Amino acid sequence: MKKKYAGAVLAMGMFLALALEGCGGTEAAEDAGSGGNEGNVQKEETSGNEESGENIFGEFEAKTLDGEDVTQEIFGQSKLTMINIWGTFCGPCIQEMPDLGEISRSYDSGEFQMIGLISDVTETGDSKAQEIVQSTQADYTHLVASPDIQRKVLSRVSVVPTTIFVDSEGNQVGEGYAGSRSKEEWTSIIEDLRSEVQ
C-alpha cells in the first residue's frame, strides 16, 4: 500500500513539475518540424544541438503582432536581445510575462532588448495574443510565426516558453533556456550574458 501511495505521489510531482515549468510543443512548430528530435530544446539550461555563437535565425522576414515588417536587422538595435518564445495556450508563458515586461523597461534599448516570439500565432492582429500582451503589460516587440521563423527556429523548439539570447549580429549567446524563470533569475542571467557581449 505504501509503495502504491509513494508511486502516485512521485507521478503527481513529476506532472506538476512539467506543468509549472513549461508547455508542450506548438502546432506551428510541429508543422515546421520533420518529426525528429534533432535540435530540440531540452529542459534545463541547454538548447540541444544549438551552440553559443550559432546564428539560428539567419536571414528572415517576419511581422510583429501589430503588423510591422521585421528582418534579422532588428537584432542590430541592441547589444543583447532576449527572445522569449511563448504560446497563447501556455500558462507558465503568460505568468512570467509581467516580469519580462518589467525587465524590458528597466534597460536602455541599445544595451538590451526583449522580443516575444508567439509560437502558435501566424497572423498579425491576433486578438487573443493582443489581449495577453496588453493584460500582462509585456509591451515589448512580439513577432508572429512567419514561415521563415517556423522553419528556422520553431522547428527546433519542443517546449514553451523557451528563451534564447542573441548578440547584435543574431549569433546565439550562452545556452537556450526551456521553461519559465523568476524575475530575479532572468535578471541574473541577463547580467551574466551582457558581460559576454560588451
Foldseek 3Di string as FASTA:
>chain_A
DVVVVVVVVVVVVVVVVDLQFFAWAEPLLVVQAPPDQAQEQDADFARHPADFQAQLLPWDWFAWLQGHIDILQVLLQAFKEKEWEAELVRPQQLVQLLLLLVVQVVDDRRHYHYEYEYRHFRDHNDPSVVVSCVVSVSPGTYTYCHSSCSNRPSNNYTTPGKMWMAGSNRGTFGHIHGGDDHSVVVVVVSVVRSVVRD
